Amino acid sequence: MIKNKIGIKTATSTFSIEPGKVKEFALALGDSNPAYETGEIKVSASFEVSKA
């Protein structure tokens, strides 16, 4: 059952996102930062989920 997977730590993963999709997302949010237009922006995100 998928609920049994909540809170399990996994290995760190790295992946790339196609720059055009980043631009689309920024446009949808109304963010006019020029770095989103060129794809020059790099973002590092980390998410930690814990059981409530």
PDB file of N, CA and C in Angstrom:
ATOM      1  N   MET A   1       0.853  -1.180   0.000  1.00  0.00           N
ATOM      2  CA  MET A   1       0.000   0.000   0.000  1.00  0.00           C
ATOM      3  C   MET A   1       0.896   1.240   0.000  1.00  0.00           C
ATOM      4  N   ILE A   2       0.495   2.252  -0.710  1.00  0.00           N
ATOM      5  CA  ILE A   2       1.339   3.447  -0.863  1.00  0.00           C
ATOM      6  C   ILE A   2       1.504   4.212   0.444  1.00  0.00           C
ATOM      7  N   LYS A   3       0.529   4.159   1.328  1.00  0.00           N
ATOM      8  CA  LYS A   3       0.633   4.880   2.604  1.00  0.00           C
ATOM      9  C   LYS A   3       1.808   4.362   3.426  1.00  0.00           C
ATOM     10  N   ASN A   4       2.212   3.124   3.216  1.00  0.00           N
ATOM     11  CA  ASN A   4       3.353   2.557   3.934  1.00  0.00           C
ATOM     12  C   ASN A   4       4.665   3.187   3.494  1.00  0.00           C
ATOM     13  N   LYS A   5       4.689   3.845   2.360  1.00  0.00           N
ATOM     14  CA  LYS A   5       5.901   4.455   1.821  1.00  0.00           C
ATOM     15  C   LYS A   5       6.135   5.868   2.351  1.00  0.00           C
ATOM     16  N   ILE A   6       5.131   6.481   2.941  1.00  0.00           N
ATOM     17  CA  ILE A   6       5.246   7.853   3.440  1.00  0.00           C
ATOM     18  C   ILE A   6       6.249   7.895   4.570  1.00  0.00           C
ATOM     19  N   GLY A   7       7.195   8.817   4.476  1.00  0.00           N
ATOM     20  CA  GLY A   7       8.193   9.006   5.512  1.00  0.00           C
ATOM     21  C   GLY A   7       9.466   8.199   5.341  1.00  0.00           C
ATOM     22  N   ILE A   8       9.533   7.365   4.314  1.00  0.00           N
ATOM     23  CA  ILE A   8      10.727   6.567   4.070  1.00  0.00           C
ATOM     24  C   ILE A   8      11.775   7.427   3.385  1.00  0.00           C
ATOM     25  N   LYS A   9      12.996   7.418   3.922  1.00  0.00           N
ATOM     26  CA  LYS A   9      14.091   8.175   3.304  1.00  0.00           C
ATOM     27  C   LYS A   9      14.619   7.401   2.106  1.00  0.00           C
ATOM     28  N   THR A  10      14.930   8.129   1.056  1.00  0.00           N
ATOM     29  CA  THR A  10      15.485   7.525  -0.151  1.00  0.00           C
ATOM     30  C   THR A  10      16.791   8.222  -0.501  1.00  0.00           C
ATOM     31  N   ALA A  11      17.469   7.693  -1.487  1.00  0.00           N
ATOM     32  CA  ALA A  11      18.732   8.281  -1.930  1.00  0.00           C
ATOM     33  C   ALA A  11      18.481   9.635  -2.600  1.00  0.00           C
ATOM     34  N   THR A  12      19.484  10.488  -2.583  1.00  0.00           N
ATOM     35  CA  THR A  12      19.412  11.779  -3.257  1.00  0.00           C
ATOM     36  C   THR A  12      19.401  11.562  -4.761  1.00  0.00           C
ATOM     37  N   SER A  13      18.591  12.331  -5.445  1.00  0.00           N
ATOM     38  CA  SER A  13      18.499  12.238  -6.904  1.00  0.00           C
ATOM     39  C   SER A  13      18.732  13.599  -7.522  1.00  0.00           C
ATOM     40  N   THR A  14      19.323  13.610  -8.688  1.00  0.00           N
ATOM     41  CA  THR A  14      19.537  14.834  -9.450  1.00  0.00           C
ATOM     42  C   THR A  14      18.936  14.640 -10.832  1.00  0.00           C
ATOM     43  N   PHE A  15      18.248  15.641 -11.309  1.00  0.00           N
ATOM     44  CA  PHE A  15      17.693  15.555 -12.650  1.00  0.00           C
ATOM     45  C   PHE A  15      17.618  16.937 -13.273  1.00  0.00           C
ATOM     46  N   SER A  16      17.540  16.965 -14.572  1.00  0.00           N
ATOM     47  CA  SER A  16      17.459  18.225 -15.315  1.00  0.00           C
ATOM     48  C   SER A  16      16.028  18.470 -15.764  1.00  0.00           C
ATOM     49  N   ILE A  17      15.688  19.741 -15.832  1.00  0.00           N
ATOM     50  CA  ILE A  17      14.378  20.153 -16.328  1.00  0.00           C
ATOM     51  C   ILE A  17      14.604  20.958 -17.591  1.00  0.00           C
ATOM     52  N   GLU A  18      13.856  20.649 -18.623  1.00  0.00           N
ATOM     53  CA  GLU A  18      13.993  21.322 -19.913  1.00  0.00           C
ATOM     54  C   GLU A  18      13.719  22.819 -19.723  1.00  0.00           C
ATOM     55  N   PRO A  19      14.643  23.688 -20.174  1.00  0.00           N
ATOM     56  CA  PRO A  19      14.518  25.139 -19.933  1.00  0.00           C
ATOM     57  C   PRO A  19      13.208  25.743 -20.427  1.00  0.00           C
ATOM     58  N   GLY A  20      12.656  25.235 -21.511  1.00  0.00           N
ATOM     59  CA  GLY A  20      11.385  25.768 -22.012  1.00  0.00           C
ATOM     60  C   GLY A  20      10.250  25.588 -21.019  1.00  0.00           C
ATOM     61  N   LYS A  21      10.276  24.488 -20.266  1.00  0.00           N
ATOM     62  CA  LYS A  21       9.240  24.245 -19.262  1.00  0.00           C
ATOM     63  C   LYS A  21       9.406  25.180 -18.067  1.00  0.00           C
ATOM     64  N   VAL A  22      10.653  25.516 -17.729  1.00  0.00           N
ATOM     65  CA  VAL A  22      10.896  26.484 -16.667  1.00  0.00           C
ATOM     66  C   VAL A  22      10.343  27.839 -17.085  1.00  0.00           C
ATOM     67  N   LYS A  23      10.562  28.202 -18.332  1.00  0.00           N
ATOM     68  CA  LYS A  23      10.051  29.473 -18.862  1.00  0.00           C
ATOM     69  C   LYS A  23       8.522  29.495 -18.805  1.00  0.00           C
ATOM     70  N   GLU A  24       7.891  28.397 -19.223  1.00  0.00           N
ATOM     71  CA  GLU A  24       6.428  28.310 -19.183  1.00  0.00           C
ATOM     72  C   GLU A  24       5.905  28.471 -17.756  1.00  0.00           C
ATOM     73  N   PHE A  25       6.563  27.818 -16.812  1.00  0.00           N
ATOM     74  CA  PHE A  25       6.144  27.902 -15.417  1.00  0.00           C
ATOM     75  C   PHE A  25       6.289  29.325 -14.891  1.00  0.00           C
ATOM     76  N   ALA A  26       7.421  29.970 -15.205  1.00  0.00           N
ATOM     77  CA  ALA A  26       7.648  31.352 -14.772  1.00  0.00           C
ATOM     78  C   ALA A  26       6.596  32.287 -15.368  1.00  0.00           C
ATOM     79  N   LEU A  27       6.271  32.080 -16.629  1.00  0.00           N
ATOM     80  CA  LEU A  27       5.237  32.909 -17.259  1.00  0.00           C
ATOM     81  C   LEU A  27       3.884  32.702 -16.579  1.00  0.00           C
ATOM     82  N   ALA A  28       3.571  31.466 -16.227  1.00  0.00           N
ATOM     83  CA  ALA A  28       2.301  31.177 -15.562  1.00  0.00           C
ATOM     84  C   ALA A  28       2.219  31.859 -14.197  1.00  0.00           C
ATOM     85  N   LEU A  29       3.380  31.999 -13.539  1.00  0.00           N
ATOM     86  CA  LEU A  29       3.412  32.660 -12.237  1.00  0.00           C
ATOM     87  C   LEU A  29       3.519  34.172 -12.343  1.00  0.00           C
ATOM     88  N   GLY A  30       3.806  34.662 -13.551  1.00  0.00           N
ATOM     89  CA  GLY A  30       3.976  36.098 -13.739  1.00  0.00           C
ATOM     90  C   GLY A  30       5.353  36.578 -13.321  1.00  0.00           C
ATOM     91  N   ASP A  31       6.327  35.672 -13.277  1.00  0.00           N
ATOM     92  CA  ASP A  31       7.696  36.030 -12.895  1.00  0.00           C
ATOM     93  C   ASP A  31       8.465  36.441 -14.140  1.00  0.00           C
ATOM     94  N   SER A  32       8.897  37.693 -14.185  1.00  0.00           N
ATOM     95  CA  SER A  32       9.555  38.215 -15.385  1.00  0.00           C
ATOM     96  C   SER A  32      11.081  38.219 -15.280  1.00  0.00           C
ATOM     97  N   ASN A  33      11.637  37.447 -14.375  1.00  0.00           N
ATOM     98  CA  ASN A  33      13.092  37.368 -14.232  1.00  0.00           C
ATOM     99  C   ASN A  33      13.698  36.914 -15.557  1.00  0.00           C
ATOM    100  N   PRO A  34      14.604  37.709 -16.159  1.00  0.00           N
ATOM    101  CA  PRO A  34      15.172  37.355 -17.457  1.00  0.00           C
ATOM    102  C   PRO A  34      15.950  36.045 -17.459  1.00  0.00           C
ATOM    103  N   ALA A  35      16.413  35.592 -16.310  1.00  0.00           N
ATOM    104  CA  ALA A  35      17.149  34.328 -16.251  1.00  0.00           C
ATOM    105  C   ALA A  35      16.262  33.157 -16.677  1.00  0.00           C
ATOM    106  N   TYR A  36      14.965  33.272 -16.459  1.00  0.00           N
ATOM    107  CA  TYR A  36      14.056  32.203 -16.879  1.00  0.00           C
ATOM    108  C   TYR A  36      13.918  32.158 -18.396  1.00  0.00           C
ATOM    109  N   GLU A  37      14.087  33.291 -19.044  1.00  0.00           N
ATOM    110  CA  GLU A  37      13.994  33.364 -20.507  1.00  0.00           C
ATOM    111  C   GLU A  37      15.155  32.641 -21.182  1.00  0.00           C
ATOM    112  N   THR A  38      16.335  32.775 -20.610  1.00  0.00           N
ATOM    113  CA  THR A  38      17.541  32.230 -21.226  1.00  0.00           C
ATOM    114  C   THR A  38      17.886  30.833 -20.743  1.00  0.00           C
ATOM    115  N   GLY A  39      17.288  30.402 -19.646  1.00  0.00           N
ATOM    116  CA  GLY A  39      17.616  29.110 -19.076  1.00  0.00           C
ATOM    117  C   GLY A  39      18.905  29.132 -18.283  1.00  0.00           C
ATOM    118  N   GLU A  40      19.412  30.315 -17.977  1.00  0.00           N
ATOM    119  CA  GLU A  40      20.676  30.433 -17.254  1.00  0.00           C
ATOM    120  C   GLU A  40      20.523  30.193 -15.757  1.00  0.00           C
ATOM    121  N   ILE A  41      19.323  30.147 -15.285  1.00  0.00           N
ATOM    122  CA  ILE A  41      19.118  29.991 -13.845  1.00  0.00           C
ATOM    123  C   ILE A  41      19.269  28.523 -13.452  1.00  0.00           C
ATOM    124  N   LYS A  42      19.909  28.283 -12.335  1.00  0.00           N
ATOM    125  CA  LYS A  42      20.053  26.943 -11.791  1.00  0.00           C
ATOM    126  C   LYS A  42      19.441  26.954 -10.404  1.00  0.00           C
ATOM    127  N   VAL A  43      18.656  25.955 -10.121  1.00  0.00           N
ATOM    128  CA  VAL A  43      17.952  25.888  -8.850  1.00  0.00           C
ATOM    129  C   VAL A  43      18.311  24.585  -8.158  1.00  0.00           C
ATOM    130  N   SER A  44      18.563  24.687  -6.900  1.00  0.00           N
ATOM    131  CA  SER A  44      18.811  23.512  -6.092  1.00  0.00           C
ATOM    132  C   SER A  44      17.640  23.413  -5.107  1.00  0.00           C
ATOM    133  N   ALA A  45      16.984  22.298  -5.116  1.00  0.00           N
ATOM    134  CA  ALA A  45      15.844  22.115  -4.225  1.00  0.00           C
ATOM    135  C   ALA A  45      16.034  20.839  -3.424  1.00  0.00           C
ATOM    136  N   SER A  46      15.638  20.905  -2.200  1.00  0.00           N
ATOM    137  CA  SER A  46      15.698  19.740  -1.325  1.00  0.00           C
ATOM    138  C   SER A  46      14.377  19.653  -0.591  1.00  0.00           C
ATOM    139  N   PHE A  47      13.839  18.472  -0.551  1.00  0.00           N
ATOM    140  CA  PHE A  47      12.569  18.263   0.117  1.00  0.00           C
ATOM    141  C   PHE A  47      12.723  17.172   1.161  1.00  0.00           C
ATOM    142  N   GLU A  48      12.222  17.432   2.336  1.00  0.00           N
ATOM    143  CA  GLU A  48      12.231  16.417   3.379  1.00  0.00           C
ATOM    144  C   GLU A  48      10.805  16.251   3.862  1.00  0.00           C
ATOM    145  N   VAL A  49      10.354  15.041   3.888  1.00  0.00           N
ATOM    146  CA  VAL A  49       8.995  14.751   4.312  1.00  0.00           C
ATOM    147  C   VAL A  49       9.072  13.931   5.587  1.00  0.00           C
ATOM    148  N   SER A  50       8.309  14.337   6.569  1.00  0.00           N
ATOM    149  CA  SER A  50       8.291  13.576   7.813  1.00  0.00           C
ATOM    150  C   SER A  50       6.856  13.198   8.150  1.00  0.00           C
ATOM    151  N   LYS A  51       6.722  12.148   8.917  1.00  0.00           N
ATOM    152  CA  LYS A  51       5.391  11.722   9.341  1.00  0.00           C
ATOM    153  C   LYS A  51       4.831  12.726  10.342  1.00  0.00           C
ATOM    154  N   ALA A  52       3.559  13.002  10.220  1.00  0.00           N
ATOM    155  CA  ALA A  52       2.901  13.945  11.135  1.00  0.00           C
ATOM    156  C   ALA A  52       2.498  13.252  12.409  1.00  0.00           C
TER     157      ALA A  52
END
